[in-house]
Amino acid sequence: MNTRETPAEDDAVICSAKGCRAPAVWVLAWNNPKIHTPERRKTWLACEEHREHLSQFLGVRGFLKDVVTLEEWSAAER
């Protein structure tokens, strides 16, 4: 997830795309098989506008494992 600059932003979950400040709607779960164990999942967050671009970036490299809504991801974490 992105580093937050102010306490007011702590409640906001924003897109991981460089320079984007839009609210995240999607979670892109990924791992790099050269450095992560198979079960390890790293995450990038995406707004509607950047979901496809970030998914393609990870997918071309063979890193993308799953794309789910932030709501689904949060429910599974509980």
C-alpha atoms as a PDB file:
ATOM      1  CA  MET A   1       0.000   0.000   0.000  1.00  0.00           C
ATOM      2  CA  ASN A   2       1.044   3.569  -0.452  1.00  0.00           C
ATOM      3  CA  THR A   3       2.776   5.592   2.239  1.00  0.00           C
ATOM      4  CA  ARG A   4       0.390   8.120   3.707  1.00  0.00           C
ATOM      5  CA  GLU A   5       1.563  11.656   4.294  1.00  0.00           C
ATOM      6  CA  THR A   6      -0.933  12.975   6.836  1.00  0.00           C
ATOM      7  CA  PRO A   7      -3.086  11.444   9.573  1.00  0.00           C
ATOM      8  CA  ALA A   8      -6.218  12.650   7.754  1.00  0.00           C
ATOM      9  CA  GLU A   9      -5.346  10.278   4.910  1.00  0.00           C
ATOM     10  CA  ASP A  10      -5.136   7.214   7.182  1.00  0.00           C
ATOM     11  CA  ASP A  11      -8.748   6.279   6.465  1.00  0.00           C
ATOM     12  CA  ALA A  12      -8.320   6.709   2.700  1.00  0.00           C
ATOM     13  CA  VAL A  13      -7.130   3.730   0.706  1.00  0.00           C
ATOM     14  CA  ILE A  14      -5.655   5.091  -2.503  1.00  0.00           C
ATOM     15  CA  CYS A  15      -4.543   3.682  -5.822  1.00  0.00           C
ATOM     16  CA  SER A  16      -0.962   2.392  -6.092  1.00  0.00           C
ATOM     17  CA  ALA A  17      -0.445   3.886  -9.571  1.00  0.00           C
ATOM     18  CA  LYS A  18       2.313   6.491  -9.557  1.00  0.00           C
ATOM     19  CA  GLY A  19       0.881   9.935  -8.835  1.00  0.00           C
ATOM     20  CA  CYS A  20      -2.717   8.739  -8.500  1.00  0.00           C
ATOM     21  CA  ARG A  21      -4.651   9.910  -5.458  1.00  0.00           C
ATOM     22  CA  ALA A  22      -7.990   8.286  -6.391  1.00  0.00           C
ATOM     23  CA  PRO A  23      -9.718   5.927  -3.986  1.00  0.00           C
ATOM     24  CA  ALA A  24      -8.807   2.268  -4.492  1.00  0.00           C
ATOM     25  CA  VAL A  25     -11.565  -0.101  -5.557  1.00  0.00           C
ATOM     26  CA  TRP A  26      -9.504  -3.156  -6.549  1.00  0.00           C
ATOM     27  CA  VAL A  27      -6.817  -5.305  -4.927  1.00  0.00           C
ATOM     28  CA  LEU A  28      -4.275  -6.919  -7.238  1.00  0.00           C
ATOM     29  CA  ALA A  29      -2.646  -9.840  -5.440  1.00  0.00           C
ATOM     30  CA  TRP A  30       0.723 -10.865  -6.834  1.00  0.00           C
ATOM     31  CA  ASN A  31       4.051 -12.457  -6.097  1.00  0.00           C
ATOM     32  CA  ASN A  32       7.428 -12.723  -7.769  1.00  0.00           C
ATOM     33  CA  PRO A  33       8.194 -16.447  -7.887  1.00  0.00           C
ATOM     34  CA  LYS A  34      11.934 -15.735  -8.002  1.00  0.00           C
ATOM     35  CA  ILE A  35      11.890 -14.164  -4.532  1.00  0.00           C
ATOM     36  CA  HIS A  36       8.579 -15.104  -2.852  1.00  0.00           C
ATOM     37  CA  THR A  37       7.241 -18.440  -1.666  1.00  0.00           C
ATOM     38  CA  PRO A  38       4.249 -19.650  -3.733  1.00  0.00           C
ATOM     39  CA  GLU A  39       1.696 -18.815  -1.024  1.00  0.00           C
ATOM     40  CA  ARG A  40       3.003 -15.277  -0.396  1.00  0.00           C
ATOM     41  CA  ARG A  41       0.777 -12.483  -1.701  1.00  0.00           C
ATOM     42  CA  LYS A  42       1.859  -8.892  -2.106  1.00  0.00           C
ATOM     43  CA  THR A  43      -0.825  -6.359  -2.999  1.00  0.00           C
ATOM     44  CA  TRP A  44      -1.255  -3.307  -5.133  1.00  0.00           C
ATOM     45  CA  LEU A  45      -4.390  -1.217  -4.927  1.00  0.00           C
ATOM     46  CA  ALA A  46      -6.089   0.198  -7.993  1.00  0.00           C
ATOM     47  CA  CYS A  47      -8.790   2.696  -8.857  1.00  0.00           C
ATOM     48  CA  GLU A  48     -11.127   1.935 -11.770  1.00  0.00           C
ATOM     49  CA  GLU A  49      -8.929   3.912 -14.179  1.00  0.00           C
ATOM     50  CA  HIS A  50      -5.678   2.073 -13.363  1.00  0.00           C
ATOM     51  CA  ARG A  51      -6.874  -1.501 -12.723  1.00  0.00           C
ATOM     52  CA  GLU A  52      -6.264  -2.698 -16.272  1.00  0.00           C
ATOM     53  CA  HIS A  53      -2.865  -1.008 -16.618  1.00  0.00           C
ATOM     54  CA  LEU A  54      -1.546  -2.354 -13.306  1.00  0.00           C
ATOM     55  CA  SER A  55      -2.989  -5.812 -14.042  1.00  0.00           C
ATOM     56  CA  GLN A  56      -1.240  -5.894 -17.423  1.00  0.00           C
ATOM     57  CA  PHE A  57       2.049  -4.763 -15.884  1.00  0.00           C
ATOM     58  CA  LEU A  58       1.964  -7.632 -13.372  1.00  0.00           C
ATOM     59  CA  GLY A  59       0.455 -10.129 -15.809  1.00  0.00           C
ATOM     60  CA  VAL A  60       3.139  -9.717 -18.481  1.00  0.00           C
ATOM     61  CA  ARG A  61       5.731 -10.612 -15.857  1.00  0.00           C
ATOM     62  CA  GLY A  62       3.750 -13.637 -14.631  1.00  0.00           C
ATOM     63  CA  PHE A  63       3.302 -12.061 -11.199  1.00  0.00           C
ATOM     64  CA  LEU A  64      -0.482 -11.461 -11.106  1.00  0.00           C
ATOM     65  CA  LYS A  65      -2.347 -14.058  -9.042  1.00  0.00           C
ATOM     66  CA  ASP A  66      -5.771 -12.511  -8.402  1.00  0.00           C
ATOM     67  CA  VAL A  67      -7.845  -9.348  -8.843  1.00  0.00           C
ATOM     68  CA  VAL A  68     -10.717  -8.790  -6.413  1.00  0.00           C
ATOM     69  CA  THR A  69     -12.658  -5.829  -5.155  1.00  0.00           C
ATOM     70  CA  LEU A  70     -11.332  -4.096  -2.075  1.00  0.00           C
ATOM     71  CA  GLU A  71     -14.604  -4.997  -0.381  1.00  0.00           C
ATOM     72  CA  GLU A  72     -14.092  -8.729  -1.087  1.00  0.00           C
ATOM     73  CA  TRP A  73     -10.446  -8.590   0.045  1.00  0.00           C
ATOM     74  CA  SER A  74     -11.380  -6.818   3.283  1.00  0.00           C
ATOM     75  CA  ALA A  75     -14.139  -9.324   4.029  1.00  0.00           C
ATOM     76  CA  ALA A  76     -11.739 -12.243   3.513  1.00  0.00           C
ATOM     77  CA  GLU A  77      -9.204 -10.639   5.856  1.00  0.00           C
ATOM     78  CA  ARG A  78     -11.718 -10.487   8.741  1.00  0.00           C
END
